[in-house]
Amino acid sequence: MSRWIGVAIAAAWLTAPEAAMASPPVGPRDAVESAIVRILTLMRAGEVDGTPVPDRWAEIRKIARETFDFNEIARHALGRHWQARTPEEQAEFVTLFTDLLERSCVAQIEAAAGETITFVGESINGRFATVRSKVVTRRGTVIDLDFRLRVRDGRWQADDVQIGGASVVSSYRSQFDRVIRTESYRALRERLQTKGFDTAVAERRAGP
């Protein structure tokens, strides 16, 4: 959807009452902004906190897994077809879909040189939050980039990204649903296994 989905992209809800739930030590904006800064530092200098990293892509994937709730993203991306899958199929789908997102991350980050991101605010509603930012492309186009987060295990994690108002999860869900309805879940699974699914699932409208 955007090369910035790579910079930016949990099955359980917290059951503790709001009043009894301790605030995460790091706020949603700080969580996202810190991840972006770490990734950009890796891209520019190949280091984290001044320490050289031999495999920057492995480190970027690690940061992505800390920042994004891939289990929840996968569940929502499969939509109404999730409940029809066995627990084993669900676990396999999470793994395959996470691999798709990570490959997209690598491809899109490599293409993101020369773009800048500015964080402009956050809104928090209990367990949920939205972190708002703007990306300026090499051509000077400004694109709204919003991260949707929730608290899981005492920290903020993103479970969707909206680019120019369009949801990344909804884009994947539409494509996955179409494949399952017109072909089968097995066909979707085979495409994911053979890496035959387009990582740029929804190109952003604003251009490069």
Protein backbone atom coordinates (compact mmCIF):
# COMPACT_ATOMS: atom_id res chain seq x y z
CA MET A 1 0.00 0.00 0.00
CA SER A 2 2.87 2.27 0.73
CA ARG A 3 6.54 1.74 1.03
CA TRP A 4 6.06 3.14 4.55
CA ILE A 5 4.03 0.13 5.60
CA GLY A 6 7.37 -1.59 5.73
CA VAL A 7 8.73 1.01 8.11
CA ALA A 8 5.84 1.21 10.21
CA ILE A 9 4.10 -3.13 9.91
CA ALA A 10 -2.21 -11.32 19.51
CA ALA A 11 -5.11 -12.95 19.70
CA ALA A 12 -6.34 -11.94 23.18
CA TRP A 13 -8.08 -8.86 24.58
CA LEU A 14 -6.99 -7.61 28.00
CA THR A 15 -9.65 -8.37 30.57
CA ALA A 16 -8.47 -6.15 33.42
CA PRO A 17 -10.81 -3.26 34.30
CA GLU A 18 -9.76 0.13 32.98
CA ALA A 19 -9.30 1.59 36.45
CA ALA A 20 -7.06 -1.25 37.56
CA MET A 21 -4.95 -1.40 34.41
CA ALA A 22 -1.54 0.21 34.79
CA SER A 23 -0.46 2.55 32.02
CA PRO A 24 2.25 1.15 29.72
CA PRO A 25 5.66 2.65 30.51
CA VAL A 26 5.98 3.88 26.91
CA GLY A 27 3.17 5.84 25.24
CA PRO A 28 1.82 4.94 21.78
CA ARG A 29 3.52 7.79 19.95
CA ASP A 30 6.85 7.08 21.64
CA ALA A 31 6.52 3.37 20.82
CA VAL A 32 5.98 4.01 17.10
CA GLU A 33 8.43 6.90 16.78
CA SER A 34 11.17 4.95 18.56
CA ALA A 35 10.70 2.00 16.18
CA ILE A 36 10.86 4.28 13.13
CA VAL A 37 14.02 5.98 14.40
CA ARG A 38 15.68 2.62 15.09
CA ILE A 39 14.82 1.35 11.61
CA LEU A 40 16.02 4.50 9.87
CA THR A 41 19.26 4.38 11.88
CA LEU A 42 19.75 0.77 10.79
CA MET A 43 19.17 1.73 7.18
CA ARG A 44 21.53 4.70 7.31
CA ALA A 45 24.34 3.48 9.54
CA GLY A 46 23.75 -0.23 10.11
CA GLU A 47 23.76 0.18 13.88
CA VAL A 48 21.47 0.35 16.91
CA ASP A 49 22.34 2.58 19.85
CA GLY A 50 25.84 2.95 18.44
CA THR A 51 26.41 -0.80 18.13
CA PRO A 52 27.01 -2.20 14.60
CA VAL A 53 24.44 -4.80 13.52
CA PRO A 54 25.77 -7.52 11.16
CA ASP A 55 22.33 -8.47 9.80
CA ARG A 56 20.24 -5.31 9.60
CA TRP A 57 17.24 -7.05 8.03
CA ALA A 58 17.04 -9.54 10.88
CA GLU A 59 17.11 -6.62 13.30
CA ILE A 60 14.42 -4.77 11.32
CA ARG A 61 12.20 -7.86 11.46
CA LYS A 62 12.78 -8.03 15.21
CA ILE A 63 11.73 -4.39 15.61
CA ALA A 64 8.66 -5.00 13.45
CA ARG A 65 7.58 -7.95 15.62
CA GLU A 66 7.96 -5.77 18.72
CA THR A 67 5.94 -2.94 17.17
CA PHE A 68 3.16 -4.80 15.34
CA ASP A 69 0.69 -7.37 16.67
CA PHE A 70 0.97 -9.77 13.75
CA ASN A 71 -1.40 -12.33 15.30
CA GLU A 72 -4.20 -9.80 15.52
CA ILE A 73 -3.40 -8.36 12.10
CA ALA A 74 -3.55 -11.85 10.56
CA ARG A 75 -6.87 -12.63 12.25
CA HIS A 76 -8.48 -9.45 10.96
CA ALA A 77 -6.94 -9.88 7.50
CA LEU A 78 -8.55 -13.30 7.14
CA GLY A 79 -11.82 -11.82 8.40
CA ARG A 80 -14.90 -14.06 8.41
CA HIS A 81 -12.82 -17.00 7.16
CA TRP A 82 -10.76 -17.11 10.37
CA GLN A 83 -13.30 -19.08 12.42
CA ALA A 84 -13.61 -21.71 9.70
CA ARG A 85 -9.95 -22.61 10.08
CA THR A 86 -8.63 -25.16 12.57
CA PRO A 87 -6.23 -23.97 15.30
CA GLU A 88 -3.39 -25.51 13.31
CA GLU A 89 -4.47 -23.69 10.14
CA GLN A 90 -4.79 -20.43 12.07
CA ALA A 91 -1.26 -20.77 13.45
CA GLU A 92 0.09 -21.60 9.99
CA PHE A 93 -1.72 -18.62 8.45
CA VAL A 94 -0.24 -16.26 11.04
CA THR A 95 3.24 -17.53 10.14
CA LEU A 96 2.68 -17.25 6.38
CA PHE A 97 1.06 -13.83 6.60
CA THR A 98 3.78 -12.51 8.90
CA ASP A 99 6.35 -13.67 6.34
CA LEU A 100 4.43 -11.78 3.63
CA LEU A 101 4.44 -8.60 5.70
CA GLU A 102 8.13 -8.96 6.53
CA ARG A 103 9.04 -9.41 2.86
CA SER A 104 6.97 -6.34 2.09
CA CYS A 105 8.81 -4.52 4.86
CA VAL A 106 12.20 -5.28 3.34
CA ALA A 107 11.13 -4.39 -0.20
CA GLN A 108 9.41 -1.15 0.73
CA ILE A 109 12.10 0.11 3.10
CA GLU A 110 14.69 -0.34 0.37
CA ALA A 111 12.57 1.89 -1.85
CA ALA A 112 11.97 4.57 0.79
CA ALA A 113 15.24 6.50 0.53
CA GLY A 114 14.70 10.24 0.40
CA GLU A 115 11.30 10.25 2.10
CA THR A 116 10.67 11.84 5.49
CA ILE A 117 8.12 11.15 8.20
CA THR A 118 6.87 13.64 10.79
CA PHE A 119 4.74 12.70 13.80
CA VAL A 120 1.95 15.19 14.40
CA GLY A 121 -0.02 13.81 17.32
CA GLU A 122 -1.72 10.98 19.15
CA SER A 123 -5.13 10.26 20.63
CA ILE A 124 -5.71 7.69 23.39
CA ASN A 125 -9.01 6.06 24.34
CA GLY A 126 -8.44 3.51 27.09
CA ARG A 127 -6.68 0.50 25.57
CA PHE A 128 -6.72 2.01 22.09
CA ALA A 129 -4.77 4.79 20.43
CA THR A 130 -4.07 6.42 17.09
CA VAL A 131 -0.68 7.90 16.26
CA ARG A 132 -0.84 10.39 13.40
CA SER A 133 2.05 11.19 11.10
CA LYS A 134 2.72 12.60 7.66
CA VAL A 135 5.10 11.29 5.01
CA VAL A 136 6.67 13.65 2.48
CA THR A 137 7.68 11.84 -0.71
CA ARG A 138 10.63 12.72 -2.90
CA ARG A 139 8.22 14.65 -5.13
CA GLY A 140 6.93 16.68 -2.20
CA THR A 141 3.58 14.90 -1.92
CA VAL A 142 2.26 14.76 1.66
CA ILE A 143 0.53 11.54 2.72
CA ASP A 144 -1.31 10.95 6.00
CA LEU A 145 0.00 7.87 7.80
CA ASP A 146 -1.94 6.79 10.90
CA PHE A 147 -1.01 3.90 13.18
CA ARG A 148 -3.81 2.19 15.11
CA LEU A 149 -2.59 0.64 18.36
CA ARG A 150 -3.85 -1.13 21.45
CA VAL A 151 -2.35 -2.26 24.74
CA ARG A 152 -1.23 -5.88 24.83
CA ASP A 153 0.82 -7.43 27.65
CA GLY A 154 1.50 -4.00 29.10
CA ARG A 155 2.78 -2.32 25.93
CA TRP A 156 1.39 -0.58 22.87
CA GLN A 157 1.37 -2.53 19.61
CA ALA A 158 -0.01 -1.55 16.21
CA ASP A 159 -2.70 -3.72 14.64
CA ASP A 160 -3.41 -1.59 11.57
CA VAL A 161 -2.01 1.27 9.53
CA GLN A 162 -4.08 3.73 7.51
CA ILE A 163 -2.37 5.36 4.56
CA GLY A 164 -4.20 8.27 3.03
CA GLY A 165 -7.28 7.06 4.93
CA ALA A 166 -7.10 3.50 3.53
CA SER A 167 -6.64 0.58 5.93
CA VAL A 168 -3.83 -1.86 5.16
CA VAL A 169 -5.67 -4.68 6.96
CA SER A 170 -8.86 -4.02 4.99
CA SER A 171 -6.90 -4.11 1.73
CA TYR A 172 -5.45 -7.53 2.52
CA ARG A 173 -8.83 -8.77 3.76
CA SER A 174 -10.50 -7.84 0.48
CA GLN A 175 -7.88 -9.65 -1.59
CA PHE A 176 -7.82 -12.74 0.66
CA ASP A 177 -11.62 -12.92 0.66
CA ARG A 178 -11.71 -12.71 -3.14
CA VAL A 179 -9.19 -15.56 -3.51
CA ILE A 180 -11.07 -17.78 -1.05
CA ARG A 181 -14.49 -17.09 -2.63
CA THR A 182 -13.41 -17.48 -6.25
CA GLU A 183 -10.93 -20.30 -5.64
CA SER A 184 -10.42 -21.72 -2.13
CA TYR A 185 -8.57 -21.25 1.13
CA ARG A 186 -6.13 -23.88 -0.10
CA ALA A 187 -5.34 -21.66 -3.11
CA LEU A 188 -4.62 -18.72 -0.82
CA ARG A 189 -2.43 -20.90 1.38
CA GLU A 190 -0.47 -22.17 -1.63
CA ARG A 191 0.14 -18.64 -2.88
CA LEU A 192 1.45 -17.60 0.50
CA GLN A 193 3.62 -20.72 0.77
CA THR A 194 5.17 -20.20 -2.66
CA LYS A 195 5.54 -16.45 -2.06
CA GLY A 196 3.25 -15.92 -5.02
CA PHE A 197 1.23 -13.20 -3.35
CA ASP A 198 1.90 -9.58 -4.23
CA THR A 199 3.63 -7.83 -1.32
CA ALA A 200 2.44 -4.46 -2.60
CA VAL A 201 -1.16 -5.45 -1.98
CA ALA A 202 -2.56 -1.96 -2.43
CA GLU A 203 -0.44 0.72 -3.99
CA ARG A 204 -0.95 4.12 -2.45
CA ARG A 205 -2.94 6.57 -4.49
CA ALA A 206 -0.53 9.49 -4.29
CA GLY A 207 2.24 7.98 -6.41
CA PRO A 208 6.01 7.71 -5.67
